[in-house]
């Protein structure tokens, strides 16, 4: 894998999440009726960190859960839709809640669209806001993030790799050559 550049180290990632937490509070005029849903896998850990940061600011724990969008993806494998069993990965109602959907990288918008389909199947929130660590552009759907850690214009031949310590052992965001990444 050929790393083109390190976009964020652990301190920059933490600062971005701190800023996003403050922006969430400000935009929503507090934390009333807020909850977090992280998109598996790395979005879950970023959502957990945002939830913890808001707890430190507001001294209140917001409901937090994870969402698996696999069954809602429109990717095709061998000419058919992917099907997996549906399971609810959180224990609170999202009815009339302000859902903060969290993911690591916003690219085409297809993962976010899948997540919104999954959320609506589980209840009708008051609204859904999107928080992402990295927005790299190249949207295929009319989706934009409400809260962004860093905008990184990329080419389609590049890939953003987000490592989080809970999964990967360290916090770092890298820009890599897509072709070299696929070969490794």
Protein backbone atom coordinates (compact mmCIF):
# COMPACT_ATOMS: atom_id res chain seq x y z
CA UNK A 1 0.00 0.00 0.00
CA UNK A 2 1.42 3.37 -1.01
CA UNK A 3 0.51 6.08 1.49
CA UNK A 4 0.27 9.44 -0.26
CA UNK A 5 -0.18 11.45 2.92
CA UNK A 6 -1.31 11.29 6.52
CA UNK A 7 -4.44 13.44 6.70
CA UNK A 8 -5.00 13.22 10.46
CA UNK A 9 -3.00 11.91 13.38
CA UNK A 10 -4.65 10.97 16.69
CA UNK A 11 -4.59 14.55 18.01
CA UNK A 12 -6.15 15.99 14.84
CA UNK A 13 -8.83 13.28 14.86
CA UNK A 14 -9.65 14.03 18.50
CA UNK A 15 -9.81 17.79 17.81
CA UNK A 16 -12.17 17.20 14.87
CA UNK A 17 -14.49 15.10 17.04
CA UNK A 18 -14.43 17.72 19.81
CA UNK A 19 -15.40 20.43 17.29
CA UNK A 20 -18.17 18.24 15.82
CA UNK A 21 -19.56 17.58 19.33
CA UNK A 22 -19.79 21.33 19.99
CA UNK A 23 -21.36 21.92 16.57
CA UNK A 24 -24.00 19.25 17.24
CA UNK A 25 -24.96 20.92 20.53
CA UNK A 26 -25.03 24.36 18.95
CA UNK A 27 -27.02 23.41 15.84
CA UNK A 28 -29.60 21.52 17.91
CA UNK A 29 -29.80 24.25 20.59
CA UNK A 30 -28.87 21.71 23.24
CA UNK A 31 -29.17 17.96 23.42
CA UNK A 32 -32.89 17.41 23.93
CA UNK A 33 -34.22 14.39 21.99
CA UNK A 34 -30.79 13.60 20.49
CA UNK A 35 -29.43 10.10 19.96
CA UNK A 36 -26.44 8.67 18.11
CA UNK A 37 -26.39 5.82 15.61
CA UNK A 38 -22.98 4.78 14.30
CA UNK A 39 -22.70 2.96 10.98
CA UNK A 40 -20.77 -0.29 11.38
CA UNK A 41 -17.84 -0.56 11.77
CA UNK A 42 -15.78 2.57 12.36
CA UNK A 43 -18.78 4.89 12.54
CA UNK A 44 -19.82 3.06 15.70
CA UNK A 45 -16.59 3.96 17.47
CA UNK A 46 -16.66 7.56 16.24
CA UNK A 47 -20.29 7.89 17.43
CA UNK A 48 -19.30 6.48 20.81
CA UNK A 49 -16.54 9.07 21.13
CA UNK A 50 -18.89 11.89 20.12
CA UNK A 51 -21.39 10.69 22.69
CA UNK A 52 -18.67 10.68 25.36
CA UNK A 53 -17.54 14.20 24.40
CA UNK A 54 -21.11 15.50 24.68
CA UNK A 55 -21.43 13.79 28.07
CA UNK A 56 -18.33 15.67 29.26
CA UNK A 57 -19.79 18.97 28.01
CA UNK A 58 -23.45 18.54 29.03
CA UNK A 59 -23.19 15.95 31.85
CA UNK A 60 -25.90 13.82 30.22
CA UNK A 61 -25.59 10.48 28.43
CA UNK A 62 -27.36 10.41 25.11
CA UNK A 63 -28.83 7.16 23.77
CA UNK A 64 -26.29 5.47 21.55
CA UNK A 65 -26.48 2.52 19.17
CA UNK A 66 -25.12 1.03 16.01
CA UNK A 67 -26.69 0.33 12.67
CA UNK A 68 -25.72 -2.35 10.18
CA UNK A 69 -26.62 -1.33 6.63
CA UNK A 70 -25.53 -4.55 4.92
CA UNK A 71 -29.06 -5.69 4.07
CA UNK A 72 -29.89 -2.26 2.65
CA UNK A 73 -26.89 -1.94 0.31
CA UNK A 74 -27.66 -1.76 -3.39
CA UNK A 75 -24.33 -3.35 -4.33
CA UNK A 76 -24.66 -6.46 -6.40
CA UNK A 77 -22.80 -9.68 -5.77
CA UNK A 78 -23.08 -12.34 -8.46
CA UNK A 79 -26.02 -10.47 -9.99
CA UNK A 80 -28.24 -10.48 -6.89
CA UNK A 81 -28.84 -8.25 -3.89
CA UNK A 82 -27.02 -9.03 -0.69
CA UNK A 83 -29.37 -10.43 1.94
CA UNK A 84 -28.54 -10.82 5.63
CA UNK A 85 -30.66 -11.29 8.70
CA UNK A 86 -32.03 -8.12 10.24
CA UNK A 87 -31.18 -7.42 13.84
CA UNK A 88 -31.75 -4.34 15.93
CA UNK A 89 -28.45 -3.20 17.41
CA UNK A 90 -29.81 -0.65 19.90
CA UNK A 91 -32.43 -0.74 22.66
CA UNK A 92 -34.16 2.63 22.48
CA UNK A 93 -36.94 4.05 20.35
CA UNK A 94 -36.00 6.54 17.66
CA UNK A 95 -39.61 7.71 17.32
CA UNK A 96 -39.57 11.53 17.29
CA UNK A 97 -35.84 11.58 18.13
CA UNK A 98 -33.17 13.67 16.43
CA UNK A 99 -30.85 10.96 15.11
CA UNK A 100 -27.21 11.86 14.60
CA UNK A 101 -25.99 9.29 12.07
CA UNK A 102 -22.19 8.88 12.23
CA UNK A 103 -19.79 7.42 9.65
CA UNK A 104 -16.07 7.63 9.02
CA UNK A 105 -15.98 8.63 5.32
CA UNK A 106 -18.66 10.15 3.10
CA UNK A 107 -18.01 9.26 -0.53
CA UNK A 108 -20.80 8.38 -2.99
CA UNK A 109 -23.60 8.66 -0.41
CA UNK A 110 -24.81 5.10 -0.94
CA UNK A 111 -23.92 3.89 2.56
CA UNK A 112 -25.74 6.85 4.10
CA UNK A 113 -28.80 6.21 1.91
CA UNK A 114 -28.77 2.59 3.07
CA UNK A 115 -28.53 3.72 6.69
CA UNK A 116 -31.47 6.07 6.28
CA UNK A 117 -33.55 3.21 4.81
CA UNK A 118 -32.64 1.07 7.82
CA UNK A 119 -33.49 3.85 10.27
CA UNK A 120 -36.91 4.48 8.71
CA UNK A 121 -37.66 0.75 8.90
CA UNK A 122 -37.01 0.93 12.66
CA UNK A 123 -39.12 4.01 13.40
CA UNK A 124 -39.82 7.57 12.36
CA UNK A 125 -37.30 10.01 13.78
CA UNK A 126 -37.99 13.74 14.05
CA UNK A 127 -34.94 14.30 11.86
CA UNK A 128 -31.69 12.67 10.77
CA UNK A 129 -28.43 14.61 10.76
CA UNK A 130 -25.17 13.24 9.37
CA UNK A 131 -21.77 13.56 11.03
CA UNK A 132 -18.69 12.28 9.19
CA UNK A 133 -15.02 12.42 9.98
CA UNK A 134 -14.01 12.83 6.30
CA UNK A 135 -16.00 14.10 3.31
CA UNK A 136 -14.11 13.19 0.15
CA UNK A 137 -16.66 14.27 -2.46
CA UNK A 138 -17.77 12.29 -5.54
CA UNK A 139 -21.42 12.04 -4.52
CA UNK A 140 -23.72 9.84 -6.60
CA UNK A 141 -26.76 10.77 -4.53
CA UNK A 142 -27.94 14.16 -3.23
CA UNK A 143 -26.61 13.65 0.30
CA UNK A 144 -24.49 16.06 2.34
CA UNK A 145 -23.11 15.95 5.84
CA UNK A 146 -24.33 18.33 8.53
CA UNK A 147 -21.10 17.96 10.50
CA UNK A 148 -17.70 17.30 8.88
CA UNK A 149 -14.34 16.76 10.53
CA UNK A 150 -12.36 17.45 7.36
CA UNK A 151 -13.15 17.96 3.67
CA UNK A 152 -10.60 16.15 1.50
CA UNK A 153 -10.95 16.52 -2.27
CA UNK A 154 -9.81 13.23 -3.80
CA UNK A 155 -9.61 11.55 -7.15
CA UNK A 156 -11.44 8.29 -7.76
CA UNK A 157 -8.06 6.55 -7.94
CA UNK A 158 -7.43 7.40 -4.28
CA UNK A 159 -8.83 5.89 -1.10
CA UNK A 160 -9.20 7.21 2.43
CA UNK A 161 -8.23 4.77 5.18
CA UNK A 162 -9.56 5.59 8.66
CA UNK A 163 -7.97 3.65 11.48
CA UNK A 164 -9.48 3.83 14.96
CA UNK A 165 -7.68 2.46 17.99
CA UNK A 166 -10.63 0.26 19.00
CA UNK A 167 -10.35 -1.75 15.75
CA UNK A 168 -6.93 -1.00 14.28
CA UNK A 169 -4.79 -0.24 17.33
CA UNK A 170 -4.18 3.42 16.43
CA UNK A 171 -5.98 6.57 15.31
CA UNK A 172 -4.87 7.83 11.92
CA UNK A 173 -6.45 8.90 8.62
CA UNK A 174 -4.46 8.16 5.48
CA UNK A 175 -4.81 8.99 1.81
CA UNK A 176 -3.60 6.05 -0.26
CA UNK A 177 -3.38 5.09 -3.91
CA UNK A 178 -6.44 2.87 -4.51
CA UNK A 179 -4.67 0.56 -6.95
CA UNK A 180 -1.79 -0.12 -4.58
CA UNK A 181 -4.26 -0.67 -1.72
CA UNK A 182 -6.20 -3.28 -3.71
CA UNK A 183 -2.99 -5.17 -4.50
CA UNK A 184 -1.88 -5.45 -0.88
